[in-house]
Amino acid sequence: MASMATAWNPGKKHSERERWICIYPAYINSKKTLAEGRRIPKDKAVENPTHQEIRDVLSAAGMKVGVENKLYSRERSKELLYRGRIRIQLKSDDGTPLNPAFPSRDSVMLHLGQMIPQLKSRLGKQGSSDPSQSQSGSGASKKKGKGRR
């Protein structure tokens, strides 16, 4: 058990999973504050991203990705929706970036903020929310009528 929590070893190669960077969905969640763990500007963040969406975007970008069943320490909710930690191999064994487009952790998070809203699953949700708004508008008028009785 003690071997699992070993000190950082500079001898480990970048290709070993322990050296891959970690990204939690909270890092790019526009609903979170900086104190709650958001790490990129709010205007570049995404509303409630999931670890599946992060994995899909990074896999499409050609990165080596691993998903772990971990919960972010600052996350208040213990629901399955908020679980998931993504590990990404950022550098090759000689220390150079695997993908020149992503030299740093911040560049990966900003890329996620741009690409997640363009996913088909997200576009479908936005399209289906328009009809529901018109329905909720008519439902709201019915509720007002009941309240006046």
Protein backbone atom coordinates (compact mmCIF):
# COMPACT_ATOMS: atom_id res chain seq x y z
CA MET A 1 0.00 0.00 0.00
CA ALA A 2 2.86 2.40 0.80
CA SER A 3 4.39 1.78 -2.63
CA MET A 4 1.31 3.37 -4.26
CA ALA A 5 1.94 6.77 -2.63
CA THR A 6 5.61 7.08 -3.46
CA ALA A 7 7.45 10.38 -3.66
CA TRP A 8 8.00 12.00 -7.05
CA ASN A 9 10.81 10.29 -8.87
CA PRO A 10 12.62 12.25 -11.61
CA GLY A 11 13.78 8.92 -13.04
CA LYS A 12 10.27 8.06 -14.23
CA LYS A 13 9.74 8.55 -17.95
CA HIS A 14 7.08 10.84 -19.42
CA SER A 15 5.47 7.80 -21.04
CA GLU A 16 4.69 6.29 -17.61
CA ARG A 17 1.12 6.95 -16.53
CA GLU A 18 2.19 8.56 -13.24
CA ARG A 19 3.84 11.39 -15.19
CA TRP A 20 0.76 12.17 -17.31
CA ILE A 21 -1.11 15.37 -16.45
CA CYS A 22 -4.48 15.20 -14.68
CA ILE A 23 -7.56 17.17 -15.69
CA TYR A 24 -10.78 17.17 -13.70
CA PRO A 25 -14.03 18.43 -15.28
CA ALA A 26 -14.17 21.16 -12.61
CA TYR A 27 -11.06 22.78 -14.15
CA ILE A 28 -13.07 23.83 -17.22
CA ASN A 29 -16.56 24.21 -15.67
CA SER A 30 -18.00 27.71 -16.17
CA LYS A 31 -20.40 27.15 -13.25
CA LYS A 32 -17.45 26.91 -10.82
CA THR A 33 -15.57 29.80 -9.27
CA LEU A 34 -11.79 29.96 -9.08
CA ALA A 35 -12.05 28.93 -5.42
CA GLU A 36 -14.12 25.89 -6.44
CA GLY A 37 -11.42 24.77 -8.85
CA ARG A 38 -11.95 26.43 -12.24
CA ARG A 39 -8.57 27.03 -13.89
CA ILE A 40 -9.41 28.84 -17.13
CA PRO A 41 -11.27 32.14 -17.74
CA LYS A 42 -15.05 31.86 -17.35
CA ASP A 43 -15.72 33.04 -20.91
CA LYS A 44 -13.58 30.18 -22.26
CA ALA A 45 -15.00 27.54 -19.92
CA VAL A 46 -17.84 25.08 -20.60
CA GLU A 47 -21.05 24.58 -18.65
CA ASN A 48 -20.91 21.29 -16.69
CA PRO A 49 -18.49 19.23 -18.81
CA THR A 50 -18.29 15.46 -18.22
CA HIS A 51 -15.25 13.23 -18.27
CA GLN A 52 -16.69 11.42 -21.32
CA GLU A 53 -16.81 14.69 -23.29
CA ILE A 54 -13.24 15.54 -22.30
CA ARG A 55 -12.08 12.05 -23.29
CA ASP A 56 -13.86 12.26 -26.66
CA VAL A 57 -12.36 15.64 -27.55
CA LEU A 58 -8.82 14.66 -26.56
CA SER A 59 -9.03 11.29 -28.32
CA ALA A 60 -10.16 13.09 -31.49
CA ALA A 61 -7.11 15.38 -31.15
CA GLY A 62 -4.90 12.28 -31.20
CA MET A 63 -3.72 12.35 -27.59
CA LYS A 64 -3.10 9.38 -25.31
CA VAL A 65 -5.91 9.53 -22.76
CA GLY A 66 -6.81 7.53 -19.68
CA VAL A 67 -9.90 7.86 -17.48
CA GLU A 68 -9.75 7.19 -13.74
CA ASN A 69 -12.68 6.85 -11.34
CA LYS A 70 -11.60 9.68 -9.03
CA LEU A 71 -13.49 12.58 -7.46
CA TYR A 72 -12.07 16.10 -7.36
CA SER A 73 -11.30 17.04 -3.76
CA ARG A 74 -13.10 20.42 -3.98
CA GLU A 75 -16.24 18.87 -5.47
CA ARG A 76 -19.13 19.04 -3.00
CA SER A 77 -21.41 16.62 -4.83
CA LYS A 78 -20.53 12.93 -4.74
CA GLU A 79 -22.76 12.09 -7.73
CA LEU A 80 -21.48 9.96 -10.61
CA LEU A 81 -21.91 12.90 -12.97
CA TYR A 82 -19.01 14.70 -11.27
CA ARG A 83 -16.70 11.70 -11.00
CA GLY A 84 -13.83 11.10 -13.36
CA ARG A 85 -10.26 12.24 -13.74
CA ILE A 86 -8.61 12.36 -17.14
CA ARG A 87 -4.91 11.61 -17.52
CA ILE A 88 -3.13 12.82 -20.65
CA GLN A 89 0.36 12.12 -21.89
CA LEU A 90 1.64 15.59 -22.72
CA LYS A 91 5.34 14.90 -23.36
CA SER A 92 7.45 12.21 -24.95
CA ASP A 93 10.28 10.53 -23.04
CA ASP A 94 12.83 13.14 -24.19
CA GLY A 95 10.67 15.95 -22.70
CA THR A 96 9.38 17.42 -25.95
CA PRO A 97 5.60 17.85 -26.41
CA LEU A 98 3.94 14.91 -28.17
CA ASN A 99 1.65 17.33 -30.01
CA PRO A 100 3.14 20.77 -30.79
CA ALA A 101 -0.37 22.26 -30.62
CA PHE A 102 -0.52 21.36 -26.90
CA PRO A 103 2.77 22.33 -25.23
CA SER A 104 1.20 22.94 -21.80
CA ARG A 105 -1.65 21.92 -19.51
CA ASP A 106 -3.31 25.32 -20.07
CA SER A 107 -3.31 24.87 -23.85
CA VAL A 108 -5.12 21.53 -23.40
CA MET A 109 -7.76 23.08 -21.12
CA LEU A 110 -8.36 26.02 -23.49
CA HIS A 111 -8.74 23.55 -26.39
CA LEU A 112 -11.34 21.64 -24.36
CA GLY A 113 -13.21 24.88 -23.70
CA GLN A 114 -13.41 25.54 -27.44
CA MET A 115 -14.26 22.02 -28.63
CA ILE A 116 -16.73 20.62 -26.07
CA PRO A 117 -19.54 23.06 -27.06
CA GLN A 118 -19.14 21.86 -30.68
CA LEU A 119 -19.75 18.18 -29.83
CA LYS A 120 -22.84 16.65 -31.46
CA SER A 121 -24.21 15.70 -28.04
CA ARG A 122 -24.00 19.35 -26.95
CA LEU A 123 -25.48 20.70 -30.18
CA GLY A 124 -28.39 18.26 -29.81
CA LYS A 125 -29.11 19.48 -26.28
CA GLN A 126 -29.14 23.12 -27.35
CA GLY A 127 -31.48 22.37 -30.26
CA SER A 128 -33.92 20.44 -28.08
CA SER A 129 -33.94 23.16 -25.41
CA ASP A 130 -35.59 25.67 -27.79
CA PRO A 131 -38.90 23.76 -28.12
CA SER A 132 -38.93 23.06 -24.39
CA GLN A 133 -38.67 26.78 -23.68
CA SER A 134 -41.81 27.45 -25.71
CA GLN A 135 -43.59 24.65 -23.83
CA SER A 136 -42.40 25.91 -20.45
CA GLY A 137 -43.66 29.39 -21.40
CA SER A 138 -47.19 28.07 -21.92
CA GLY A 139 -46.86 26.01 -18.72
CA ALA A 140 -45.85 29.10 -16.80
CA SER A 141 -49.03 30.92 -17.86
CA LYS A 142 -51.14 28.00 -16.62
CA LYS A 143 -49.40 28.14 -13.25
CA LYS A 144 -50.10 31.87 -12.98
CA GLY A 145 -53.78 31.19 -13.58
CA LYS A 146 -53.90 28.62 -10.78
CA GLY A 147 -52.12 30.98 -8.41
CA ARG A 148 -54.77 33.69 -8.82
CA ARG A 149 -57.69 31.46 -7.81
